[in-house]
């Protein structure tokens, strides 16, 4: 969607709700963007108890698979490209998605959970050393 506000997020949640069998619980792993924590979103989720929001830790974009995808598509198609219009940029992105989907590969984590948790703890310790405002 052109905008990334709470209204669009709720529209997306409604789409998931409508297109997923009602007997299934839905666990959404999301980042800490304000859009995902907006009061209207919280109220919507509260009224839809099969939705369970799980927030990744702050400063851990490497845990967010969409961030990984953005990095890969930026490297493969966007960074060195020249796009004279939004349409041409969108076409390049869609071409990359089509290319990927023609021969998809499962992402496999290579780090052990203990290594990831150690990195999170180091990051948390560093953040806790920052002066409070």
Foldseek 3Di string as FASTA:
>chain_A
DVDQALVVVVVVVVVCCVPDPLVAQAEAEEEPPVSCVPPVNVVVCVVRVSYHYHYDDPPPCVVPVVSVVVVVCCVVFNVPDDDPDVVRVVVSSVVVVVVCVVPPDDDDDPDDPVVVVVVVVVVVVVVVPDDDD
